[in-house]
Structure formats: C-alpha cells, structure tokens
Amino acid sequence: MPEDTQPVTPRPVRDHRMGRAGTLPTGTRAPLAVLAGLVLLAALLPLLRPAGVDLGQALSAPSATHWLGTDHTGRDLLSRTAEALRVSLTIAAVSALASVVIGVLVGTAAASLGRWPDALLMRSGDAVAALPHLVLGLVVVALFPGSMLAIIASIALTHWPTVARLVRAEALAVRRSEYVDAARLAGASRWEVVRHHLLPAALPQALLAVVLFIPHAVFHESTLSFLGVGLQPSKASLGTLLAQARSDLLLGAWWTLAAPALALTVTTLAVGALGRSLTDRMRATTGAEAGA
C-alpha cells in the first residue's frame, strides 16, 4: 500500500425506517398521530359537546349542525361516537395490559422454574388457547351481564397464552446465556436472576404485545356488546352503537351505522399500523445488534 494512501473505514448503513437516534421511525409517526388524534377526540369532544337527548331531532341526517347526524333519541352522533370510542379504547387498553401481565408472569415463571412447573403452565396455556375465545368470553360475561370488569376479565383470561409462549422463549434464551451463568456463580438467587435479567429481557416483547393486542380487544368488546351480552345499551361503546344501528337501518338512517363503523375501522388500522411499525423497528434493531 502506498504511503499516501490511508485505509477508508466504511460508514455504517442506516435503515431509512430507523430515523435519528432518540426519534421514532418514519413509518411510526403517521399511525401514532392518527391514534393520538382519535384519543384526543374521544377525550375532549363529549366534554365540549355533550350528546343530550332531543327527540325532535331524532334520526336527523348529517348536516352543518350535526356533522354525523343524530341517533333515534336525537343525540349527536359525533359526540356519541367519540364517547363510545373512549369507552372501547379504555376497555381494550386495560384488557391488553392485564392479558400481557398474566402472560409475562406465566412465561417468566415457566422459564425460571423449568421441569414439571414449566410443563404444567404451558399445558394450561394450551388448554385455554384450544377453547374458542368468543365462546369462553360469552360464558364469563354472562355471569356478570353489563359489567365492564367482566368484559375486561373475559378478554384478559382468554388471550394470555400467546404472550406467555413468547416471553418464555425469550426468557429461556436469556437464562442459558453466559452472563446469567456468571451471575449464578457469583451467588445470585433465582429471584434476582428473574428480576435483573429475565424480566428486563421480556419487557420489550410485552410492550409490543400490548400495542398489537389492542385492536383485537376493541373488536372483542364490540362483538360482545353487539351480541347484547356486553355493556348495557344505555352505555356508549362501539359495540352498543353498532347494535342500536340495526333497527335504525330499517328506517333508512344509514349514518347511525357509518359513524361507529368508521371509528372502529380507523382505530383498528391506526393501532395496527403502529404495531407493525414498532415490530419493524424492533427487528431492525435486533438485526443491527446481531451484526455488530
């Protein structure tokens, strides 16, 4: 090599989806903005424009006064849909969080205990996963009709096995690593290994599972309420609005179905796109760390 020639260090190639350090990937910002707008609408609109009963305006078509029309009691559908969206998102978020917490606890316990506790916990998860979730949810909700806690329990108790298996696989990989072996040789107890190594390793998967599970939980709550075993018809949710729209459609009031259906579709697409973007970000980060 000539003396005046210096070796050139190649610059690392950055994936355009990763964004700058400390920022969200490009594909994440749009669905996150849509979701934030929906949450803000659901939180503030019922406070600014309450959906009061006005029988003189019953089943009014969309107009400048009522942008999405009114329902069969004359309540503004924009405010009513925003209130329903807030209720459905709250149920979905709490259900997703509870389901993921159960899955993380079961998966971590199975990976750390091993042997027959591992087999018992995983077979229990297989038994729950083998049952139709909607049928099992109907049984749980039927015991406490109209209860929001019953709906949350019916969703959380039927959807944790998938999270448990993901967390168990991640925890097993960490448990067999060299630094965990070194921690054990240094005198770390099983609980210390779980707290300092297994749970932190499972946390990213758990947070991603919460986001990915929310659209499914929204559909689950809407289905239960639509079938008449969820929330009471007087309580606004996307499911109850869809159920009430069945009779209104016979009178030609198509907007009573369009408003909650549009809210359900946009929310599901926004949260789903956010989850896919976060999944791509996690895979890209994992690939970069593996190649480093």
C-alpha atoms as a PDB file:
ATOM      1  CA  MET A   1       0.000   0.000   0.000  1.00  0.00           C
ATOM      2  CA  PRO A   2       1.445   3.447  -0.919  1.00  0.00           C
ATOM      3  CA  GLU A   3       2.406   5.644   1.985  1.00  0.00           C
ATOM      4  CA  ASP A   4      -0.010   8.442   0.991  1.00  0.00           C
ATOM      5  CA  THR A   5      -2.993   6.095   0.888  1.00  0.00           C
ATOM      6  CA  GLN A   6      -4.980   5.812   4.093  1.00  0.00           C
ATOM      7  CA  PRO A   7      -7.430   2.980   4.759  1.00  0.00           C
ATOM      8  CA  VAL A   8     -11.001   4.109   4.439  1.00  0.00           C
ATOM      9  CA  THR A   9     -13.358   2.978   7.178  1.00  0.00           C
ATOM     10  CA  PRO A  10     -16.778   2.218   5.683  1.00  0.00           C
ATOM     11  CA  ARG A  11     -19.602   4.196   7.189  1.00  0.00           C
ATOM     12  CA  PRO A  12     -22.446   2.161   8.652  1.00  0.00           C
ATOM     13  CA  VAL A  13     -25.535   1.993   6.509  1.00  0.00           C
ATOM     14  CA  ARG A  14     -28.620   3.300   8.308  1.00  0.00           C
ATOM     15  CA  ASP A  15     -32.031   1.924   7.509  1.00  0.00           C
ATOM     16  CA  HIS A  16     -34.297   4.799   6.451  1.00  0.00           C
ATOM     17  CA  ARG A  17     -37.052   3.447   8.699  1.00  0.00           C
ATOM     18  CA  MET A  18     -34.910   3.783  11.835  1.00  0.00           C
ATOM     19  CA  GLY A  19     -34.832   7.557  11.983  1.00  0.00           C
ATOM     20  CA  ARG A  20     -32.317   9.555  14.031  1.00  0.00           C
ATOM     21  CA  ALA A  21     -31.219   8.418  17.441  1.00  0.00           C
ATOM     22  CA  GLY A  22     -33.895   9.075  20.018  1.00  0.00           C
ATOM     23  CA  THR A  23     -36.680   9.537  17.439  1.00  0.00           C
ATOM     24  CA  LEU A  24     -39.462   7.321  16.228  1.00  0.00           C
ATOM     25  CA  PRO A  25     -39.064   5.528  12.896  1.00  0.00           C
ATOM     26  CA  THR A  26     -40.670   7.285   9.936  1.00  0.00           C
ATOM     27  CA  GLY A  27     -43.374   4.640   9.481  1.00  0.00           C
ATOM     28  CA  THR A  28     -44.469   5.019  13.095  1.00  0.00           C
ATOM     29  CA  ARG A  29     -45.251   8.722  13.118  1.00  0.00           C
ATOM     30  CA  ALA A  30     -48.339   8.741  10.868  1.00  0.00           C
ATOM     31  CA  PRO A  31     -50.320   5.985  12.658  1.00  0.00           C
ATOM     32  CA  LEU A  32     -49.225   7.379  16.014  1.00  0.00           C
ATOM     33  CA  ALA A  33     -50.512  10.822  15.020  1.00  0.00           C
ATOM     34  CA  VAL A  34     -53.840   9.342  13.859  1.00  0.00           C
ATOM     35  CA  LEU A  35     -54.184   7.363  17.082  1.00  0.00           C
ATOM     36  CA  ALA A  36     -53.315  10.405  19.203  1.00  0.00           C
ATOM     37  CA  GLY A  37     -55.925  12.444  17.337  1.00  0.00           C
ATOM     38  CA  LEU A  38     -58.580   9.787  17.921  1.00  0.00           C
ATOM     39  CA  VAL A  39     -57.768   9.587  21.622  1.00  0.00           C
ATOM     40  CA  LEU A  40     -57.881  13.393  21.912  1.00  0.00           C
ATOM     41  CA  LEU A  41     -61.226  13.467  20.084  1.00  0.00           C
ATOM     42  CA  ALA A  42     -62.650  10.762  22.317  1.00  0.00           C
ATOM     43  CA  ALA A  43     -61.421  12.517  25.452  1.00  0.00           C
ATOM     44  CA  LEU A  44     -62.455  16.105  24.750  1.00  0.00           C
ATOM     45  CA  LEU A  45     -65.429  16.111  22.394  1.00  0.00           C
ATOM     46  CA  PRO A  46     -68.042  14.706  24.819  1.00  0.00           C
ATOM     47  CA  LEU A  47     -66.975  17.374  27.328  1.00  0.00           C
ATOM     48  CA  LEU A  48     -67.319  20.205  24.818  1.00  0.00           C
ATOM     49  CA  ARG A  49     -70.478  18.953  23.130  1.00  0.00           C
ATOM     50  CA  PRO A  50     -72.447  16.524  25.304  1.00  0.00           C
ATOM     51  CA  ALA A  51     -74.809  14.169  23.480  1.00  0.00           C
ATOM     52  CA  GLY A  52     -78.095  15.254  25.047  1.00  0.00           C
ATOM     53  CA  VAL A  53     -81.471  13.706  24.217  1.00  0.00           C
ATOM     54  CA  ASP A  54     -83.595  15.739  21.783  1.00  0.00           C
ATOM     55  CA  LEU A  55     -86.489  13.677  20.401  1.00  0.00           C
ATOM     56  CA  GLY A  56     -87.350  16.476  17.991  1.00  0.00           C
ATOM     57  CA  GLN A  57     -84.033  15.842  16.206  1.00  0.00           C
ATOM     58  CA  ALA A  58     -84.299  12.036  16.201  1.00  0.00           C
ATOM     59  CA  LEU A  59     -82.605  10.330  13.236  1.00  0.00           C
ATOM     60  CA  SER A  60     -81.595  13.594  11.582  1.00  0.00           C
ATOM     61  CA  ALA A  61     -79.273  13.172   8.617  1.00  0.00           C
ATOM     62  CA  PRO A  62     -75.739  14.635   8.708  1.00  0.00           C
ATOM     63  CA  SER A  63     -75.847  18.413   8.475  1.00  0.00           C
ATOM     64  CA  ALA A  64     -73.920  21.521   9.483  1.00  0.00           C
ATOM     65  CA  THR A  65     -75.467  21.287  12.950  1.00  0.00           C
ATOM     66  CA  HIS A  66     -74.841  17.559  13.413  1.00  0.00           C
ATOM     67  CA  TRP A  67     -71.915  16.520  11.254  1.00  0.00           C
ATOM     68  CA  LEU A  68     -72.573  12.791  11.618  1.00  0.00           C
ATOM     69  CA  GLY A  69     -76.335  13.065  12.164  1.00  0.00           C
ATOM     70  CA  THR A  70     -78.278  12.001  15.252  1.00  0.00           C
ATOM     71  CA  ASP A  71     -79.467   8.671  16.660  1.00  0.00           C
ATOM     72  CA  HIS A  72     -83.016   7.516  17.452  1.00  0.00           C
ATOM     73  CA  THR A  73     -83.128   9.684  20.597  1.00  0.00           C
ATOM     74  CA  GLY A  74     -81.796  12.809  18.899  1.00  0.00           C
ATOM     75  CA  ARG A  75     -78.309  12.631  20.414  1.00  0.00           C
ATOM     76  CA  ASP A  76     -75.449  13.994  18.321  1.00  0.00           C
ATOM     77  CA  LEU A  77     -73.652  11.006  16.775  1.00  0.00           C
ATOM     78  CA  LEU A  78     -70.266  12.721  16.633  1.00  0.00           C
ATOM     79  CA  SER A  79     -70.229  13.209  20.402  1.00  0.00           C
ATOM     80  CA  ARG A  80     -71.839   9.818  20.963  1.00  0.00           C
ATOM     81  CA  THR A  81     -69.236   8.071  18.772  1.00  0.00           C
ATOM     82  CA  ALA A  82     -66.387   9.908  20.498  1.00  0.00           C
ATOM     83  CA  GLU A  83     -67.730   8.811  23.878  1.00  0.00           C
ATOM     84  CA  ALA A  84     -68.092   5.235  22.619  1.00  0.00           C
ATOM     85  CA  LEU A  85     -64.562   5.286  21.238  1.00  0.00           C
ATOM     86  CA  ARG A  86     -63.216   6.410  24.599  1.00  0.00           C
ATOM     87  CA  VAL A  87     -65.023   3.588  26.400  1.00  0.00           C
ATOM     88  CA  SER A  88     -63.940   0.934  23.884  1.00  0.00           C
ATOM     89  CA  LEU A  89     -60.313   2.084  23.894  1.00  0.00           C
ATOM     90  CA  THR A  90     -60.260   2.112  27.693  1.00  0.00           C
ATOM     91  CA  ILE A  91     -61.615  -1.436  27.874  1.00  0.00           C
ATOM     92  CA  ALA A  92     -59.207  -2.588  25.166  1.00  0.00           C
ATOM     93  CA  ALA A  93     -56.147  -0.975  26.753  1.00  0.00           C
ATOM     94  CA  VAL A  94     -56.891  -2.342  30.233  1.00  0.00           C
ATOM     95  CA  SER A  95     -57.676  -5.779  28.808  1.00  0.00           C
ATOM     96  CA  ALA A  96     -54.479  -5.822  26.762  1.00  0.00           C
ATOM     97  CA  LEU A  97     -52.389  -4.730  29.732  1.00  0.00           C
ATOM     98  CA  ALA A  98     -53.968  -7.332  32.043  1.00  0.00           C
ATOM     99  CA  SER A  99     -53.549 -10.102  29.478  1.00  0.00           C
ATOM    100  CA  VAL A 100     -49.908  -9.226  28.873  1.00  0.00           C
ATOM    101  CA  VAL A 101     -49.180  -9.051  32.622  1.00  0.00           C
ATOM    102  CA  ILE A 102     -50.619 -12.551  33.059  1.00  0.00           C
ATOM    103  CA  GLY A 103     -48.649 -13.805  30.075  1.00  0.00           C
ATOM    104  CA  VAL A 104     -45.391 -12.269  31.307  1.00  0.00           C
ATOM    105  CA  LEU A 105     -45.809 -13.756  34.778  1.00  0.00           C
ATOM    106  CA  VAL A 106     -46.671 -17.220  33.450  1.00  0.00           C
ATOM    107  CA  GLY A 107     -43.946 -17.199  30.792  1.00  0.00           C
ATOM    108  CA  THR A 108     -41.259 -15.976  33.175  1.00  0.00           C
ATOM    109  CA  ALA A 109     -42.282 -18.481  35.856  1.00  0.00           C
ATOM    110  CA  ALA A 110     -42.230 -21.337  33.340  1.00  0.00           C
ATOM    111  CA  ALA A 111     -38.768 -20.403  32.078  1.00  0.00           C
ATOM    112  CA  SER A 112     -37.246 -19.884  35.523  1.00  0.00           C
ATOM    113  CA  LEU A 113     -38.782 -22.903  37.279  1.00  0.00           C
ATOM    114  CA  GLY A 114     -38.385 -25.447  34.491  1.00  0.00           C
ATOM    115  CA  ARG A 115     -39.280 -29.155  34.539  1.00  0.00           C
ATOM    116  CA  TRP A 116     -42.801 -30.019  35.718  1.00  0.00           C
ATOM    117  CA  PRO A 117     -43.879 -26.428  36.595  1.00  0.00           C
ATOM    118  CA  ASP A 118     -42.899 -25.418  33.063  1.00  0.00           C
ATOM    119  CA  ALA A 119     -44.864 -28.312  31.560  1.00  0.00           C
ATOM    120  CA  LEU A 120     -47.891 -27.626  33.787  1.00  0.00           C
ATOM    121  CA  LEU A 121     -48.023 -23.920  32.950  1.00  0.00           C
ATOM    122  CA  MET A 122     -47.577 -24.462  29.223  1.00  0.00           C
ATOM    123  CA  ARG A 123     -50.207 -27.229  29.088  1.00  0.00           C
ATOM    124  CA  SER A 124     -52.591 -24.895  30.935  1.00  0.00           C
ATOM    125  CA  GLY A 125     -51.939 -22.273  28.283  1.00  0.00           C
ATOM    126  CA  ASP A 126     -52.591 -24.826  25.541  1.00  0.00           C
ATOM    127  CA  ALA A 127     -55.914 -25.728  27.162  1.00  0.00           C
ATOM    128  CA  VAL A 128     -57.014 -22.077  27.269  1.00  0.00           C
ATOM    129  CA  ALA A 129     -55.840 -21.453  23.694  1.00  0.00           C
ATOM    130  CA  ALA A 130     -57.726 -24.526  22.440  1.00  0.00           C
ATOM    131  CA  LEU A 131     -61.074 -23.110  23.574  1.00  0.00           C
ATOM    132  CA  PRO A 132     -62.902 -20.641  21.290  1.00  0.00           C
ATOM    133  CA  HIS A 133     -62.148 -17.253  22.806  1.00  0.00           C
ATOM    134  CA  LEU A 134     -65.508 -15.740  21.958  1.00  0.00           C
ATOM    135  CA  VAL A 135     -67.452 -18.661  23.440  1.00  0.00           C
ATOM    136  CA  LEU A 136     -65.377 -18.598  26.618  1.00  0.00           C
ATOM    137  CA  GLY A 137     -65.777 -14.829  26.789  1.00  0.00           C
ATOM    138  CA  LEU A 138     -69.542 -15.183  26.441  1.00  0.00           C
ATOM    139  CA  VAL A 139     -69.575 -17.577  29.400  1.00  0.00           C
ATOM    140  CA  VAL A 140     -67.602 -15.168  31.593  1.00  0.00           C
ATOM    141  CA  VAL A 141     -69.655 -12.107  30.637  1.00  0.00           C
ATOM    142  CA  ALA A 142     -72.946 -13.983  31.004  1.00  0.00           C
ATOM    143  CA  LEU A 143     -72.171 -14.467  34.706  1.00  0.00           C
ATOM    144  CA  PHE A 144     -71.964 -10.684  35.215  1.00  0.00           C
ATOM    145  CA  PRO A 145     -74.058  -9.079  32.428  1.00  0.00           C
ATOM    146  CA  GLY A 146     -73.411  -5.432  31.717  1.00  0.00           C
ATOM    147  CA  SER A 147     -70.238  -5.290  33.809  1.00  0.00           C
ATOM    148  CA  MET A 148     -67.194  -3.589  32.328  1.00  0.00           C
ATOM    149  CA  LEU A 149     -64.905  -5.581  34.646  1.00  0.00           C
ATOM    150  CA  ALA A 150     -66.461  -8.810  33.346  1.00  0.00           C
ATOM    151  CA  ILE A 151     -65.674  -7.803  29.765  1.00  0.00           C
ATOM    152  CA  ILE A 152     -62.079  -6.967  30.701  1.00  0.00           C
ATOM    153  CA  ALA A 153     -61.724 -10.284  32.540  1.00  0.00           C
ATOM    154  CA  SER A 154     -63.222 -12.247  29.649  1.00  0.00           C
ATOM    155  CA  ILE A 155     -60.653 -10.780  27.249  1.00  0.00           C
ATOM    156  CA  ALA A 156     -57.642 -10.945  29.556  1.00  0.00           C
ATOM    157  CA  LEU A 157     -58.242 -14.501  30.756  1.00  0.00           C
ATOM    158  CA  THR A 158     -58.574 -15.902  27.233  1.00  0.00           C
ATOM    159  CA  HIS A 159     -55.656 -14.227  25.433  1.00  0.00           C
ATOM    160  CA  TRP A 160     -52.587 -14.597  27.661  1.00  0.00           C
ATOM    161  CA  PRO A 161     -51.197 -17.939  26.313  1.00  0.00           C
ATOM    162  CA  THR A 162     -49.637 -16.379  23.192  1.00  0.00           C
ATOM    163  CA  VAL A 163     -47.809 -13.767  25.258  1.00  0.00           C
ATOM    164  CA  ALA A 164     -46.709 -16.434  27.739  1.00  0.00           C
ATOM    165  CA  ARG A 165     -45.099 -18.502  24.988  1.00  0.00           C
ATOM    166  CA  LEU A 166     -43.269 -15.505  23.519  1.00  0.00           C
ATOM    167  CA  VAL A 167     -41.982 -14.421  26.928  1.00  0.00           C
ATOM    168  CA  ARG A 168     -40.982 -17.986  27.835  1.00  0.00           C
ATOM    169  CA  ALA A 169     -38.933 -18.361  24.646  1.00  0.00           C
ATOM    170  CA  GLU A 170     -37.161 -15.053  25.261  1.00  0.00           C
ATOM    171  CA  ALA A 171     -36.559 -15.849  28.936  1.00  0.00           C
ATOM    172  CA  LEU A 172     -35.161 -19.306  28.116  1.00  0.00           C
ATOM    173  CA  ALA A 173     -32.673 -17.768  25.679  1.00  0.00           C
ATOM    174  CA  VAL A 174     -31.534 -15.301  28.335  1.00  0.00           C
ATOM    175  CA  ARG A 175     -31.405 -17.942  31.085  1.00  0.00           C
ATOM    176  CA  ARG A 176     -28.966 -20.016  29.017  1.00  0.00           C
ATOM    177  CA  SER A 177     -26.667 -17.061  28.311  1.00  0.00           C
ATOM    178  CA  GLU A 178     -23.174 -16.749  29.727  1.00  0.00           C
ATOM    179  CA  TYR A 179     -23.800 -13.626  31.801  1.00  0.00           C
ATOM    180  CA  VAL A 180     -26.690 -15.337  33.616  1.00  0.00           C
ATOM    181  CA  ASP A 181     -24.395 -18.299  34.353  1.00  0.00           C
ATOM    182  CA  ALA A 182     -21.838 -15.835  35.685  1.00  0.00           C
ATOM    183  CA  ALA A 183     -24.472 -14.204  37.890  1.00  0.00           C
ATOM    184  CA  ARG A 184     -25.393 -17.588  39.338  1.00  0.00           C
ATOM    185  CA  LEU A 185     -21.768 -18.435  40.019  1.00  0.00           C
ATOM    186  CA  ALA A 186     -21.490 -15.088  41.808  1.00  0.00           C
ATOM    187  CA  GLY A 187     -24.276 -16.166  44.156  1.00  0.00           C
ATOM    188  CA  ALA A 188     -27.376 -14.600  42.563  1.00  0.00           C
ATOM    189  CA  SER A 189     -30.618 -16.258  43.631  1.00  0.00           C
ATOM    190  CA  ARG A 190     -33.327 -17.388  41.230  1.00  0.00           C
ATOM    191  CA  TRP A 191     -35.457 -14.343  42.079  1.00  0.00           C
ATOM    192  CA  GLU A 192     -32.530 -11.993  41.436  1.00  0.00           C
ATOM    193  CA  VAL A 193     -31.921 -13.630  38.050  1.00  0.00           C
ATOM    194  CA  VAL A 194     -35.600 -13.209  37.183  1.00  0.00           C
ATOM    195  CA  ARG A 195     -35.748  -9.599  38.356  1.00  0.00           C
ATOM    196  CA  HIS A 196     -32.472  -8.375  36.878  1.00  0.00           C
ATOM    197  CA  HIS A 197     -32.218 -10.466  33.694  1.00  0.00           C
ATOM    198  CA  LEU A 198     -35.352 -12.350  32.618  1.00  0.00           C
ATOM    199  CA  LEU A 199     -37.987  -9.658  33.183  1.00  0.00           C
ATOM    200  CA  PRO A 200     -35.975  -6.827  31.543  1.00  0.00           C
ATOM    201  CA  ALA A 201     -35.376  -9.054  28.518  1.00  0.00           C
ATOM    202  CA  ALA A 202     -39.113  -9.777  28.207  1.00  0.00           C
ATOM    203  CA  LEU A 203     -40.225  -6.155  28.671  1.00  0.00           C
ATOM    204  CA  PRO A 204     -39.865  -5.024  25.000  1.00  0.00           C
ATOM    205  CA  GLN A 205     -41.862  -8.029  23.802  1.00  0.00           C
ATOM    206  CA  ALA A 206     -44.506  -7.313  26.444  1.00  0.00           C
ATOM    207  CA  LEU A 207     -44.897  -3.655  25.468  1.00  0.00           C
ATOM    208  CA  LEU A 208     -45.168  -4.598  21.806  1.00  0.00           C
ATOM    209  CA  ALA A 209     -47.771  -7.242  22.675  1.00  0.00           C
ATOM    210  CA  VAL A 210     -49.902  -4.610  24.419  1.00  0.00           C
ATOM    211  CA  VAL A 211     -49.979  -2.441  21.289  1.00  0.00           C
ATOM    212  CA  LEU A 212     -50.661  -5.357  18.941  1.00  0.00           C
ATOM    213  CA  PHE A 213     -53.412  -6.715  21.176  1.00  0.00           C
ATOM    214  CA  ILE A 214     -55.456  -3.500  21.438  1.00  0.00           C
ATOM    215  CA  PRO A 215     -57.179  -3.801  18.000  1.00  0.00           C
ATOM    216  CA  HIS A 216     -58.221  -7.362  18.777  1.00  0.00           C
ATOM    217  CA  ALA A 217     -59.534  -6.293  22.177  1.00  0.00           C
ATOM    218  CA  VAL A 218     -61.570  -3.484  20.567  1.00  0.00           C
ATOM    219  CA  PHE A 219     -63.180  -5.987  18.199  1.00  0.00           C
ATOM    220  CA  HIS A 220     -63.764  -8.423  21.063  1.00  0.00           C
ATOM    221  CA  GLU A 221     -65.556  -5.812  23.190  1.00  0.00           C
ATOM    222  CA  SER A 222     -67.555  -4.603  20.193  1.00  0.00           C
ATOM    223  CA  THR A 223     -68.643  -8.157  19.397  1.00  0.00           C
ATOM    224  CA  LEU A 224     -69.781  -8.862  22.956  1.00  0.00           C
ATOM    225  CA  SER A 225     -71.738  -5.610  23.156  1.00  0.00           C
ATOM    226  CA  PHE A 226     -73.172  -6.126  19.675  1.00  0.00           C
ATOM    227  CA  LEU A 227     -74.449  -9.560  20.709  1.00  0.00           C
ATOM    228  CA  GLY A 228     -76.181  -7.976  23.709  1.00  0.00           C
ATOM    229  CA  VAL A 229     -74.079  -9.579  26.456  1.00  0.00           C
ATOM    230  CA  GLY A 230     -71.577  -6.762  26.906  1.00  0.00           C
ATOM    231  CA  LEU A 231     -72.339  -3.264  28.096  1.00  0.00           C
ATOM    232  CA  GLN A 232     -75.887  -2.059  28.612  1.00  0.00           C
ATOM    233  CA  PRO A 233     -77.444  -0.302  25.582  1.00  0.00           C
ATOM    234  CA  SER A 234     -77.550   2.946  27.558  1.00  0.00           C
ATOM    235  CA  LYS A 235     -73.748   2.847  27.898  1.00  0.00           C
ATOM    236  CA  ALA A 236     -71.924   4.140  24.836  1.00  0.00           C
ATOM    237  CA  SER A 237     -69.392   1.836  23.207  1.00  0.00           C
ATOM    238  CA  LEU A 238     -68.682   0.982  19.600  1.00  0.00           C
ATOM    239  CA  GLY A 239     -70.454  -2.343  20.074  1.00  0.00           C
ATOM    240  CA  THR A 240     -73.622  -0.867  21.565  1.00  0.00           C
ATOM    241  CA  LEU A 241     -73.808   1.802  18.844  1.00  0.00           C
ATOM    242  CA  LEU A 242     -73.487  -0.870  16.162  1.00  0.00           C
ATOM    243  CA  ALA A 243     -76.185  -2.939  17.847  1.00  0.00           C
ATOM    244  CA  GLN A 244     -78.561   0.039  18.021  1.00  0.00           C
ATOM    245  CA  ALA A 245     -77.892   0.850  14.364  1.00  0.00           C
ATOM    246  CA  ARG A 246     -79.515  -2.426  13.250  1.00  0.00           C
ATOM    247  CA  SER A 247     -83.022  -1.158  13.906  1.00  0.00           C
ATOM    248  CA  ASP A 248     -82.224   2.365  12.694  1.00  0.00           C
ATOM    249  CA  LEU A 249     -81.102   0.999   9.314  1.00  0.00           C
ATOM    250  CA  LEU A 250     -84.622  -0.295   8.700  1.00  0.00           C
ATOM    251  CA  LEU A 251     -85.768   3.343   8.890  1.00  0.00           C
ATOM    252  CA  GLY A 252     -83.153   4.450   6.366  1.00  0.00           C
ATOM    253  CA  ALA A 253     -80.776   6.021   8.922  1.00  0.00           C
ATOM    254  CA  TRP A 254     -77.554   4.690   7.373  1.00  0.00           C
ATOM    255  CA  TRP A 255     -75.433   7.246   9.238  1.00  0.00           C
ATOM    256  CA  THR A 256     -76.083   5.554  12.591  1.00  0.00           C
ATOM    257  CA  LEU A 257     -74.071   2.586  11.295  1.00  0.00           C
ATOM    258  CA  ALA A 258     -71.492   4.592   9.335  1.00  0.00           C
ATOM    259  CA  ALA A 259     -70.267   6.655  12.318  1.00  0.00           C
ATOM    260  CA  PRO A 260     -69.286   3.824  14.736  1.00  0.00           C
ATOM    261  CA  ALA A 261     -68.139   1.576  11.867  1.00  0.00           C
ATOM    262  CA  LEU A 262     -65.806   4.319  10.602  1.00  0.00           C
ATOM    263  CA  ALA A 263     -64.442   4.916  14.103  1.00  0.00           C
ATOM    264  CA  LEU A 264     -63.855   1.187  14.588  1.00  0.00           C
ATOM    265  CA  THR A 265     -62.099   0.830  11.230  1.00  0.00           C
ATOM    266  CA  VAL A 266     -59.849   3.878  11.604  1.00  0.00           C
ATOM    267  CA  THR A 267     -58.880   2.946  15.167  1.00  0.00           C
ATOM    268  CA  THR A 268     -58.034  -0.616  14.212  1.00  0.00           C
ATOM    269  CA  LEU A 269     -55.976   0.454  11.197  1.00  0.00           C
ATOM    270  CA  ALA A 270     -54.104   3.132  13.158  1.00  0.00           C
ATOM    271  CA  VAL A 271     -53.208   0.873  16.075  1.00  0.00           C
ATOM    272  CA  GLY A 272     -52.362  -1.995  13.725  1.00  0.00           C
ATOM    273  CA  ALA A 273     -50.062   0.203  11.650  1.00  0.00           C
ATOM    274  CA  LEU A 274     -48.394   1.473  14.818  1.00  0.00           C
ATOM    275  CA  GLY A 275     -47.829  -2.102  15.987  1.00  0.00           C
ATOM    276  CA  ARG A 276     -46.352  -3.157  12.639  1.00  0.00           C
ATOM    277  CA  SER A 277     -44.027  -0.150  12.633  1.00  0.00           C
ATOM    278  CA  LEU A 278     -42.813  -0.936  16.140  1.00  0.00           C
ATOM    279  CA  THR A 279     -42.307  -4.577  15.105  1.00  0.00           C
ATOM    280  CA  ASP A 280     -40.171  -3.493  12.135  1.00  0.00           C
ATOM    281  CA  ARG A 281     -38.204  -1.171  14.402  1.00  0.00           C
ATOM    282  CA  MET A 282     -37.557  -3.959  16.913  1.00  0.00           C
ATOM    283  CA  ARG A 283     -36.481  -6.387  14.173  1.00  0.00           C
ATOM    284  CA  ALA A 284     -34.184  -3.804  12.606  1.00  0.00           C
ATOM    285  CA  THR A 285     -32.625  -3.025  15.997  1.00  0.00           C
ATOM    286  CA  THR A 286     -32.166  -6.723  16.758  1.00  0.00           C
ATOM    287  CA  GLY A 287     -30.573  -7.299  13.360  1.00  0.00           C
ATOM    288  CA  ALA A 288     -28.223  -4.359  13.837  1.00  0.00           C
ATOM    289  CA  GLU A 289     -27.155  -5.619  17.267  1.00  0.00           C
ATOM    290  CA  ALA A 290     -26.621  -9.118  15.898  1.00  0.00           C
ATOM    291  CA  GLY A 291     -24.458  -7.816  13.079  1.00  0.00           C
ATOM    292  CA  ALA A 292     -22.407  -5.553  15.347  1.00  0.00           C
END
